[in-house]
């Protein structure tokens, strides 16, 4: 059976830790744009050419933004991994490993 006091204490400690942690701790979310629709019917493609052209142009812009987001997130993740590695090294020195 769980100790309700201990459960509450752990929750409070976790909340305090989240409040006290400095800097950004959340990863950025990068969402790929949906592919533009290309009708298989050539007449429909001609009838809606302006809309389809616009959809493709928007896709190209959006996919470039998506790639920039991925690059940014990759750089952030590498920096975080470097910092965590340094923290782990300090931890090992503290405990004598």
PDB file of N, CA and C in Angstrom:
ATOM      1  N   UNK A   1       0.835  -1.181   0.000  1.00  0.00           N
ATOM      2  CA  UNK A   1       0.000   0.000   0.000  1.00  0.00           C
ATOM      3  C   UNK A   1       0.881   1.247   0.000  1.00  0.00           C
ATOM      4  N   UNK A   2       0.493   2.236  -0.739  1.00  0.00           N
ATOM      5  CA  UNK A   2       1.260   3.470  -0.849  1.00  0.00           C
ATOM      6  C   UNK A   2       1.061   4.354   0.376  1.00  0.00           C
ATOM      7  N   UNK A   3       2.111   5.050   0.705  1.00  0.00           N
ATOM      8  CA  UNK A   3       2.048   6.018   1.793  1.00  0.00           C
ATOM      9  C   UNK A   3       1.590   7.345   1.185  1.00  0.00           C
ATOM     10  N   UNK A   4       0.392   7.845   1.540  1.00  0.00           N
ATOM     11  CA  UNK A   4      -0.112   9.076   0.926  1.00  0.00           C
ATOM     12  C   UNK A   4       0.758  10.288   1.231  1.00  0.00           C
ATOM     13  N   UNK A   5       1.366  10.318   2.404  1.00  0.00           N
ATOM     14  CA  UNK A   5       2.237  11.458   2.739  1.00  0.00           C
ATOM     15  C   UNK A   5       3.471  11.468   1.847  1.00  0.00           C
ATOM     16  N   UNK A   6       4.041  10.297   1.626  1.00  0.00           N
ATOM     17  CA  UNK A   6       5.220  10.191   0.777  1.00  0.00           C
ATOM     18  C   UNK A   6       4.880  10.565  -0.664  1.00  0.00           C
ATOM     19  N   UNK A   7       3.747  10.110  -1.159  1.00  0.00           N
ATOM     20  CA  UNK A   7       3.312  10.432  -2.518  1.00  0.00           C
ATOM     21  C   UNK A   7       3.146  11.941  -2.684  1.00  0.00           C
ATOM     22  N   UNK A   8       2.532  12.582  -1.702  1.00  0.00           N
ATOM     23  CA  UNK A   8       2.327  14.038  -1.743  1.00  0.00           C
ATOM     24  C   UNK A   8       3.669  14.760  -1.701  1.00  0.00           C
ATOM     25  N   UNK A   9       4.575  14.292  -0.837  1.00  0.00           N
ATOM     26  CA  UNK A   9       5.890  14.905  -0.712  1.00  0.00           C
ATOM     27  C   UNK A   9       6.663  14.806  -2.024  1.00  0.00           C
ATOM     28  N   UNK A  10       6.621  13.649  -2.667  1.00  0.00           N
ATOM     29  CA  UNK A  10       7.317  13.470  -3.945  1.00  0.00           C
ATOM     30  C   UNK A  10       6.745  14.397  -5.015  1.00  0.00           C
ATOM     31  N   UNK A  11       5.442  14.559  -5.019  1.00  0.00           N
ATOM     32  CA  UNK A  11       4.808  15.461  -5.982  1.00  0.00           C
ATOM     33  C   UNK A  11       5.250  16.891  -5.751  1.00  0.00           C
ATOM     34  N   UNK A  12       5.309  17.301  -4.503  1.00  0.00           N
ATOM     35  CA  UNK A  12       5.747  18.665  -4.178  1.00  0.00           C
ATOM     36  C   UNK A  12       7.213  18.875  -4.561  1.00  0.00           C
ATOM     37  N   UNK A  13       8.048  17.876  -4.338  1.00  0.00           N
ATOM     38  CA  UNK A  13       9.454  17.987  -4.716  1.00  0.00           C
ATOM     39  C   UNK A  13       9.604  18.105  -6.231  1.00  0.00           C
ATOM     40  N   UNK A  14       8.842  17.327  -6.955  1.00  0.00           N
ATOM     41  CA  UNK A  14       8.905  17.387  -8.421  1.00  0.00           C
ATOM     42  C   UNK A  14       8.460  18.756  -8.918  1.00  0.00           C
ATOM     43  N   UNK A  15       7.400  19.294  -8.324  1.00  0.00           N
ATOM     44  CA  UNK A  15       6.906  20.607  -8.721  1.00  0.00           C
ATOM     45  C   UNK A  15       7.947  21.685  -8.419  1.00  0.00           C
ATOM     46  N   UNK A  16       8.561  21.620  -7.250  1.00  0.00           N
ATOM     47  CA  UNK A  16       9.590  22.592  -6.880  1.00  0.00           C
ATOM     48  C   UNK A  16      10.767  22.517  -7.840  1.00  0.00           C
ATOM     49  N   UNK A  17      11.153  21.311  -8.219  1.00  0.00           N
ATOM     50  CA  UNK A  17      12.255  21.144  -9.151  1.00  0.00           C
ATOM     51  C   UNK A  17      11.927  21.778 -10.502  1.00  0.00           C
ATOM     52  N   UNK A  18      10.728  21.566 -10.989  1.00  0.00           N
ATOM     53  CA  UNK A  18      10.334  22.142 -12.280  1.00  0.00           C
ATOM     54  C   UNK A  18      10.307  23.662 -12.231  1.00  0.00           C
ATOM     55  N   UNK A  19       9.914  24.218 -11.108  1.00  0.00           N
ATOM     56  CA  UNK A  19       9.851  25.673 -10.963  1.00  0.00           C
ATOM     57  C   UNK A  19      11.250  26.264 -10.881  1.00  0.00           C
ATOM     58  N   UNK A  20      12.166  25.551 -10.239  1.00  0.00           N
ATOM     59  CA  UNK A  20      13.506  26.080  -9.979  1.00  0.00           C
ATOM     60  C   UNK A  20      14.500  25.853 -11.098  1.00  0.00           C
ATOM     61  N   UNK A  21      14.205  24.990 -12.033  1.00  0.00           N
ATOM     62  CA  UNK A  21      15.158  24.692 -13.109  1.00  0.00           C
ATOM     63  C   UNK A  21      15.254  25.907 -14.021  1.00  0.00           C
ATOM     64  N   UNK A  22      16.465  26.458 -14.178  1.00  0.00           N
ATOM     65  CA  UNK A  22      16.608  27.649 -15.021  1.00  0.00           C
ATOM     66  C   UNK A  22      16.643  27.302 -16.501  1.00  0.00           C
ATOM     67  N   UNK A  23      16.318  28.279 -17.306  1.00  0.00           N
ATOM     68  CA  UNK A  23      16.460  28.161 -18.746  1.00  0.00           C
ATOM     69  C   UNK A  23      15.386  27.310 -19.399  1.00  0.00           C
ATOM     70  N   UNK A  24      15.432  27.278 -20.739  1.00  0.00           N
ATOM     71  CA  UNK A  24      14.444  26.489 -21.464  1.00  0.00           C
ATOM     72  C   UNK A  24      14.708  24.997 -21.280  1.00  0.00           C
ATOM     73  N   UNK A  25      13.672  24.269 -20.946  1.00  0.00           N
ATOM     74  CA  UNK A  25      13.831  22.835 -20.747  1.00  0.00           C
ATOM     75  C   UNK A  25      12.959  22.031 -21.699  1.00  0.00           C
ATOM     76  N   UNK A  26      12.155  22.691 -22.464  1.00  0.00           N
ATOM     77  CA  UNK A  26      11.255  21.984 -23.364  1.00  0.00           C
ATOM     78  C   UNK A  26      11.791  22.025 -24.783  1.00  0.00           C
ATOM     79  N   UNK A  27      11.688  20.932 -25.461  1.00  0.00           N
ATOM     80  CA  UNK A  27      12.120  20.853 -26.851  1.00  0.00           C
ATOM     81  C   UNK A  27      11.095  21.533 -27.750  1.00  0.00           C
ATOM     82  N   UNK A  28      11.580  22.014 -28.862  1.00  0.00           N
ATOM     83  CA  UNK A  28      10.686  22.634 -29.841  1.00  0.00           C
ATOM     84  C   UNK A  28       9.986  21.535 -30.631  1.00  0.00           C
ATOM     85  N   UNK A  29       8.755  21.772 -30.972  1.00  0.00           N
ATOM     86  CA  UNK A  29       8.018  20.811 -31.791  1.00  0.00           C
ATOM     87  C   UNK A  29       8.058  21.262 -33.241  1.00  0.00           C
ATOM     88  N   UNK A  30       8.500  20.376 -34.090  1.00  0.00           N
ATOM     89  CA  UNK A  30       8.569  20.647 -35.522  1.00  0.00           C
ATOM     90  C   UNK A  30       7.537  19.764 -36.211  1.00  0.00           C
ATOM     91  N   UNK A  31       6.686  20.383 -36.960  1.00  0.00           N
ATOM     92  CA  UNK A  31       5.631  19.638 -37.642  1.00  0.00           C
ATOM     93  C   UNK A  31       5.805  19.747 -39.147  1.00  0.00           C
ATOM     94  N   UNK A  32       5.889  18.606 -39.802  1.00  0.00           N
ATOM     95  CA  UNK A  32       6.020  18.579 -41.260  1.00  0.00           C
ATOM     96  C   UNK A  32       4.710  19.037 -41.889  1.00  0.00           C
ATOM     97  N   UNK A  33       4.804  19.836 -42.935  1.00  0.00           N
ATOM     98  CA  UNK A  33       3.576  20.267 -43.607  1.00  0.00           C
ATOM     99  C   UNK A  33       2.968  19.110 -44.393  1.00  0.00           C
ATOM    100  N   UNK A  34       1.674  19.153 -44.582  1.00  0.00           N
ATOM    101  CA  UNK A  34       1.043  18.096 -45.389  1.00  0.00           C
ATOM    102  C   UNK A  34       1.419  18.267 -46.862  1.00  0.00           C
ATOM    103  N   UNK A  35       1.511  17.142 -47.541  1.00  0.00           N
ATOM    104  CA  UNK A  35       1.798  17.191 -48.981  1.00  0.00           C
ATOM    105  C   UNK A  35       0.623  17.827 -49.711  1.00  0.00           C
ATOM    106  N   UNK A  36       0.911  18.615 -50.736  1.00  0.00           N
ATOM    107  CA  UNK A  36      -0.185  19.179 -51.522  1.00  0.00           C
ATOM    108  C   UNK A  36      -0.873  18.089 -52.341  1.00  0.00           C
ATOM    109  N   UNK A  37      -2.149  18.281 -52.545  1.00  0.00           N
ATOM    110  CA  UNK A  37      -2.936  17.317 -53.324  1.00  0.00           C
ATOM    111  C   UNK A  37      -2.734  17.585 -54.812  1.00  0.00           C
ATOM    112  N   UNK A  38      -2.488  16.523 -55.546  1.00  0.00           N
ATOM    113  CA  UNK A  38      -2.376  16.612 -57.003  1.00  0.00           C
ATOM    114  C   UNK A  38      -3.400  15.665 -57.599  1.00  0.00           C
ATOM    115  N   UNK A  39      -4.443  16.213 -58.224  1.00  0.00           N
ATOM    116  CA  UNK A  39      -5.462  15.328 -58.794  1.00  0.00           C
ATOM    117  C   UNK A  39      -4.884  14.513 -59.951  1.00  0.00           C
ATOM    118  N   UNK A  40      -5.368  13.299 -60.067  1.00  0.00           N
ATOM    119  CA  UNK A  40      -4.906  12.442 -61.166  1.00  0.00           C
ATOM    120  C   UNK A  40      -5.608  12.804 -62.472  1.00  0.00           C
ATOM    121  N   UNK A  41      -6.727  13.465 -62.384  1.00  0.00           N
ATOM    122  CA  UNK A  41      -7.492  13.888 -63.558  1.00  0.00           C
ATOM    123  C   UNK A  41      -6.877  15.169 -64.126  1.00  0.00           C
ATOM    124  N   UNK A  42      -6.398  15.106 -65.362  1.00  0.00           N
ATOM    125  CA  UNK A  42      -5.736  16.265 -65.966  1.00  0.00           C
ATOM    126  C   UNK A  42      -6.670  17.466 -66.115  1.00  0.00           C
ATOM    127  N   UNK A  43      -7.949  17.217 -66.348  1.00  0.00           N
ATOM    128  CA  UNK A  43      -8.897  18.331 -66.477  1.00  0.00           C
ATOM    129  C   UNK A  43      -9.062  19.037 -65.130  1.00  0.00           C
ATOM    130  N   UNK A  44      -9.162  18.275 -64.071  1.00  0.00           N
ATOM    131  CA  UNK A  44      -9.270  18.871 -62.728  1.00  0.00           C
ATOM    132  C   UNK A  44      -8.004  19.660 -62.412  1.00  0.00           C
ATOM    133  N   UNK A  45      -6.858  19.137 -62.806  1.00  0.00           N
ATOM    134  CA  UNK A  45      -5.600  19.841 -62.570  1.00  0.00           C
ATOM    135  C   UNK A  45      -5.594  21.179 -63.306  1.00  0.00           C
ATOM    136  N   UNK A  46      -6.094  21.197 -64.535  1.00  0.00           N
ATOM    137  CA  UNK A  46      -6.167  22.464 -65.287  1.00  0.00           C
ATOM    138  C   UNK A  46      -7.197  23.402 -64.684  1.00  0.00           C
ATOM    139  N   UNK A  47      -8.340  22.854 -64.273  1.00  0.00           N
ATOM    140  CA  UNK A  47      -9.401  23.691 -63.702  1.00  0.00           C
ATOM    141  C   UNK A  47      -8.965  24.369 -62.401  1.00  0.00           C
ATOM    142  N   UNK A  48      -8.159  23.668 -61.630  1.00  0.00           N
ATOM    143  CA  UNK A  48      -7.746  24.189 -60.323  1.00  0.00           C
ATOM    144  C   UNK A  48      -6.256  24.518 -60.290  1.00  0.00           C
ATOM    145  N   UNK A  49      -5.692  24.811 -61.443  1.00  0.00           N
ATOM    146  CA  UNK A  49      -4.247  25.043 -61.556  1.00  0.00           C
ATOM    147  C   UNK A  49      -3.752  26.137 -60.611  1.00  0.00           C
ATOM    148  N   UNK A  50      -4.454  27.224 -60.500  1.00  0.00           N
ATOM    149  CA  UNK A  50      -4.001  28.332 -59.646  1.00  0.00           C
ATOM    150  C   UNK A  50      -3.958  27.907 -58.175  1.00  0.00           C
ATOM    151  N   UNK A  51      -4.977  27.188 -57.745  1.00  0.00           N
ATOM    152  CA  UNK A  51      -5.027  26.725 -56.348  1.00  0.00           C
ATOM    153  C   UNK A  51      -3.927  25.692 -56.095  1.00  0.00           C
ATOM    154  N   UNK A  52      -3.760  24.760 -57.035  1.00  0.00           N
ATOM    155  CA  UNK A  52      -2.755  23.712 -56.880  1.00  0.00           C
ATOM    156  C   UNK A  52      -1.350  24.318 -56.878  1.00  0.00           C
ATOM    157  N   UNK A  53      -1.124  25.268 -57.783  1.00  0.00           N
ATOM    158  CA  UNK A  53       0.172  25.950 -57.848  1.00  0.00           C
ATOM    159  C   UNK A  53       0.460  26.647 -56.517  1.00  0.00           C
ATOM    160  N   UNK A  54      -0.527  27.330 -55.991  1.00  0.00           N
ATOM    161  CA  UNK A  54      -0.379  28.006 -54.705  1.00  0.00           C
ATOM    162  C   UNK A  54      -0.092  27.014 -53.578  1.00  0.00           C
ATOM    163  N   UNK A  55      -0.780  25.886 -53.591  1.00  0.00           N
ATOM    164  CA  UNK A  55      -0.543  24.848 -52.573  1.00  0.00           C
ATOM    165  C   UNK A  55       0.905  24.343 -52.624  1.00  0.00           C
ATOM    166  N   UNK A  56       1.414  24.132 -53.839  1.00  0.00           N
ATOM    167  CA  UNK A  56       2.791  23.655 -53.974  1.00  0.00           C
ATOM    168  C   UNK A  56       3.789  24.723 -53.525  1.00  0.00           C
ATOM    169  N   UNK A  57       3.541  25.971 -53.883  1.00  0.00           N
ATOM    170  CA  UNK A  57       4.436  27.052 -53.466  1.00  0.00           C
ATOM    171  C   UNK A  57       4.426  27.211 -51.946  1.00  0.00           C
ATOM    172  N   UNK A  58       3.243  27.101 -51.347  1.00  0.00           N
ATOM    173  CA  UNK A  58       3.151  27.162 -49.881  1.00  0.00           C
ATOM    174  C   UNK A  58       3.885  25.989 -49.241  1.00  0.00           C
ATOM    175  N   UNK A  59       3.770  24.819 -49.855  1.00  0.00           N
ATOM    176  CA  UNK A  59       4.450  23.638 -49.331  1.00  0.00           C
ATOM    177  C   UNK A  59       5.964  23.854 -49.328  1.00  0.00           C
ATOM    178  N   UNK A  60       6.500  24.384 -50.411  1.00  0.00           N
ATOM    179  CA  UNK A  60       7.945  24.611 -50.501  1.00  0.00           C
ATOM    180  C   UNK A  60       8.395  25.559 -49.388  1.00  0.00           C
ATOM    181  N   UNK A  61       7.648  26.616 -49.155  1.00  0.00           N
ATOM    182  CA  UNK A  61       7.984  27.548 -48.063  1.00  0.00           C
ATOM    183  C   UNK A  61       7.877  26.853 -46.702  1.00  0.00           C
ATOM    184  N   UNK A  62       6.808  26.100 -46.509  1.00  0.00           N
ATOM    185  CA  UNK A  62       6.585  25.438 -45.224  1.00  0.00           C
ATOM    186  C   UNK A  62       7.619  24.354 -44.947  1.00  0.00           C
ATOM    187  N   UNK A  63       8.038  23.615 -45.976  1.00  0.00           N
ATOM    188  CA  UNK A  63       9.018  22.549 -45.762  1.00  0.00           C
ATOM    189  C   UNK A  63      10.376  23.154 -45.440  1.00  0.00           C
ATOM    190  N   UNK A  64      10.680  24.321 -46.003  1.00  0.00           N
ATOM    191  CA  UNK A  64      11.929  25.002 -45.659  1.00  0.00           C
ATOM    192  C   UNK A  64      11.903  25.443 -44.191  1.00  0.00           C
ATOM    193  N   UNK A  65      10.772  25.944 -43.735  1.00  0.00           N
ATOM    194  CA  UNK A  65      10.633  26.304 -42.319  1.00  0.00           C
ATOM    195  C   UNK A  65      10.764  25.073 -41.438  1.00  0.00           C
ATOM    196  N   UNK A  66      10.201  23.970 -41.883  1.00  0.00           N
ATOM    197  CA  UNK A  66      10.286  22.710 -41.144  1.00  0.00           C
ATOM    198  C   UNK A  66      11.743  22.264 -41.027  1.00  0.00           C
ATOM    199  N   UNK A  67      12.491  22.342 -42.113  1.00  0.00           N
ATOM    200  CA  UNK A  67      13.908  21.961 -42.078  1.00  0.00           C
ATOM    201  C   UNK A  67      14.689  22.863 -41.119  1.00  0.00           C
ATOM    202  N   UNK A  68      14.400  24.169 -41.124  1.00  0.00           N
ATOM    203  CA  UNK A  68      15.066  25.082 -40.194  1.00  0.00           C
ATOM    204  C   UNK A  68      14.733  24.720 -38.754  1.00  0.00           C
ATOM    205  N   UNK A  69      13.485  24.356 -38.509  1.00  0.00           N
ATOM    206  CA  UNK A  69      13.068  23.945 -37.175  1.00  0.00           C
ATOM    207  C   UNK A  69      13.833  22.696 -36.748  1.00  0.00           C
ATOM    208  N   UNK A  70      13.935  21.708 -37.631  1.00  0.00           N
ATOM    209  CA  UNK A  70      14.667  20.485 -37.314  1.00  0.00           C
ATOM    210  C   UNK A  70      16.143  20.783 -37.025  1.00  0.00           C
ATOM    211  N   UNK A  71      16.737  21.662 -37.831  1.00  0.00           N
ATOM    212  CA  UNK A  71      18.138  22.039 -37.609  1.00  0.00           C
ATOM    213  C   UNK A  71      18.306  22.692 -36.239  1.00  0.00           C
ATOM    214  N   UNK A  72      17.390  23.578 -35.907  1.00  0.00           N
ATOM    215  CA  UNK A  72      17.436  24.266 -34.616  1.00  0.00           C
ATOM    216  C   UNK A  72      17.269  23.284 -33.461  1.00  0.00           C
ATOM    217  N   UNK A  73      16.333  22.374 -33.586  1.00  0.00           N
ATOM    218  CA  UNK A  73      16.096  21.379 -32.542  1.00  0.00           C
ATOM    219  C   UNK A  73      17.287  20.441 -32.416  1.00  0.00           C
ATOM    220  N   UNK A  74      17.886  20.080 -33.513  1.00  0.00           N
ATOM    221  CA  UNK A  74      19.066  19.213 -33.477  1.00  0.00           C
ATOM    222  C   UNK A  74      20.199  19.910 -32.738  1.00  0.00           C
ATOM    223  N   UNK A  75      20.433  21.188 -33.039  1.00  0.00           N
ATOM    224  CA  UNK A  75      21.486  21.952 -32.358  1.00  0.00           C
ATOM    225  C   UNK A  75      21.188  22.060 -30.866  1.00  0.00           C
ATOM    226  N   UNK A  76      19.939  22.299 -30.510  1.00  0.00           N
ATOM    227  CA  UNK A  76      19.552  22.401 -29.103  1.00  0.00           C
ATOM    228  C   UNK A  76      19.786  21.077 -28.387  1.00  0.00           C
ATOM    229  N   UNK A  77      19.408  19.976 -29.036  1.00  0.00           N
ATOM    230  CA  UNK A  77      19.561  18.663 -28.431  1.00  0.00           C
ATOM    231  C   UNK A  77      21.043  18.310 -28.237  1.00  0.00           C
ATOM    232  N   UNK A  78      21.889  18.654 -29.208  1.00  0.00           N
ATOM    233  CA  UNK A  78      23.320  18.394 -29.059  1.00  0.00           C
ATOM    234  C   UNK A  78      23.898  19.202 -27.898  1.00  0.00           C
ATOM    235  N   UNK A  79      23.498  20.455 -27.788  1.00  0.00           N
ATOM    236  CA  UNK A  79      23.971  21.297 -26.688  1.00  0.00           C
ATOM    237  C   UNK A  79      23.517  20.727 -25.349  1.00  0.00           C
ATOM    238  N   UNK A  80      22.257  20.310 -25.279  1.00  0.00           N
ATOM    239  CA  UNK A  80      21.757  19.703 -24.053  1.00  0.00           C
ATOM    240  C   UNK A  80      22.525  18.425 -23.721  1.00  0.00           C
ATOM    241  N   UNK A  81      22.803  17.606 -24.705  1.00  0.00           N
ATOM    242  CA  UNK A  81      23.549  16.365 -24.481  1.00  0.00           C
ATOM    243  C   UNK A  81      24.959  16.672 -23.973  1.00  0.00           C
ATOM    244  N   UNK A  82      25.577  17.707 -24.514  1.00  0.00           N
ATOM    245  CA  UNK A  82      26.911  18.111 -24.050  1.00  0.00           C
ATOM    246  C   UNK A  82      26.855  18.530 -22.584  1.00  0.00           C
ATOM    247  N   UNK A  83      25.847  19.355 -22.243  1.00  0.00           N
ATOM    248  CA  UNK A  83      25.695  19.812 -20.857  1.00  0.00           C
ATOM    249  C   UNK A  83      25.433  18.645 -19.909  1.00  0.00           C
ATOM    250  N   UNK A  84      24.590  17.716 -20.325  1.00  0.00           N
ATOM    251  CA  UNK A  84      24.282  16.551 -19.491  1.00  0.00           C
ATOM    252  C   UNK A  84      25.539  15.703 -19.299  1.00  0.00           C
ATOM    253  N   UNK A  85      26.326  15.563 -20.354  1.00  0.00           N
ATOM    254  CA  UNK A  85      27.566  14.809 -20.253  1.00  0.00           C
ATOM    255  C   UNK A  85      28.506  15.458 -19.239  1.00  0.00           C
ATOM    256  N   UNK A  86      28.614  16.777 -19.271  1.00  0.00           N
ATOM    257  CA  UNK A  86      29.442  17.496 -18.301  1.00  0.00           C
ATOM    258  C   UNK A  86      28.890  17.306 -16.885  1.00  0.00           C
ATOM    259  N   UNK A  87      27.571  17.398 -16.741  1.00  0.00           N
ATOM    260  CA  UNK A  87      26.946  17.180 -15.430  1.00  0.00           C
ATOM    261  C   UNK A  87      27.258  15.780 -14.913  1.00  0.00           C
ATOM    262  N   UNK A  88      27.203  14.804 -15.792  1.00  0.00           N
ATOM    263  CA  UNK A  88      27.475  13.432 -15.393  1.00  0.00           C
ATOM    264  C   UNK A  88      28.935  13.280 -14.942  1.00  0.00           C
ATOM    265  N   UNK A  89      29.837  13.940 -15.662  1.00  0.00           N
ATOM    266  CA  UNK A  89      31.245  13.929 -15.264  1.00  0.00           C
ATOM    267  C   UNK A  89      31.438  14.517 -13.881  1.00  0.00           C
ATOM    268  N   UNK A  90      30.766  15.642 -13.607  1.00  0.00           N
ATOM    269  CA  UNK A  90      30.831  16.253 -12.267  1.00  0.00           C
ATOM    270  C   UNK A  90      30.246  15.316 -11.217  1.00  0.00           C
ATOM    271  N   UNK A  91      29.150  14.656 -11.550  1.00  0.00           N
ATOM    272  CA  UNK A  91      28.538  13.694 -10.633  1.00  0.00           C
ATOM    273  C   UNK A  91      29.506  12.563 -10.305  1.00  0.00           C
ATOM    274  N   UNK A  92      30.148  12.014 -11.327  1.00  0.00           N
ATOM    275  CA  UNK A  92      31.091  10.917 -11.094  1.00  0.00           C
ATOM    276  C   UNK A  92      32.264  11.370 -10.217  1.00  0.00           C
ATOM    277  N   UNK A  93      32.703  12.618 -10.405  1.00  0.00           N
ATOM    278  CA  UNK A  93      33.769  13.132  -9.545  1.00  0.00           C
ATOM    279  C   UNK A  93      33.279  13.260  -8.100  1.00  0.00           C
ATOM    280  N   UNK A  94      32.048  13.693  -7.916  1.00  0.00           N
ATOM    281  CA  UNK A  94      31.499  13.859  -6.561  1.00  0.00           C
ATOM    282  C   UNK A  94      31.408  12.531  -5.821  1.00  0.00           C
ATOM    283  N   UNK A  95      30.996  11.478  -6.524  1.00  0.00           N
ATOM    284  CA  UNK A  95      30.809  10.188  -5.864  1.00  0.00           C
ATOM    285  C   UNK A  95      32.072   9.344  -5.901  1.00  0.00           C
ATOM    286  N   UNK A  96      33.119   9.839  -6.541  1.00  0.00           N
ATOM    287  CA  UNK A  96      34.399   9.143  -6.537  1.00  0.00           C
ATOM    288  C   UNK A  96      34.529   8.002  -7.515  1.00  0.00           C
ATOM    289  N   UNK A  97      33.724   7.980  -8.564  1.00  0.00           N
ATOM    290  CA  UNK A  97      33.837   6.923  -9.594  1.00  0.00           C
ATOM    291  C   UNK A  97      34.813   7.319 -10.667  1.00  0.00           C
TER     292      UNK A  97
END
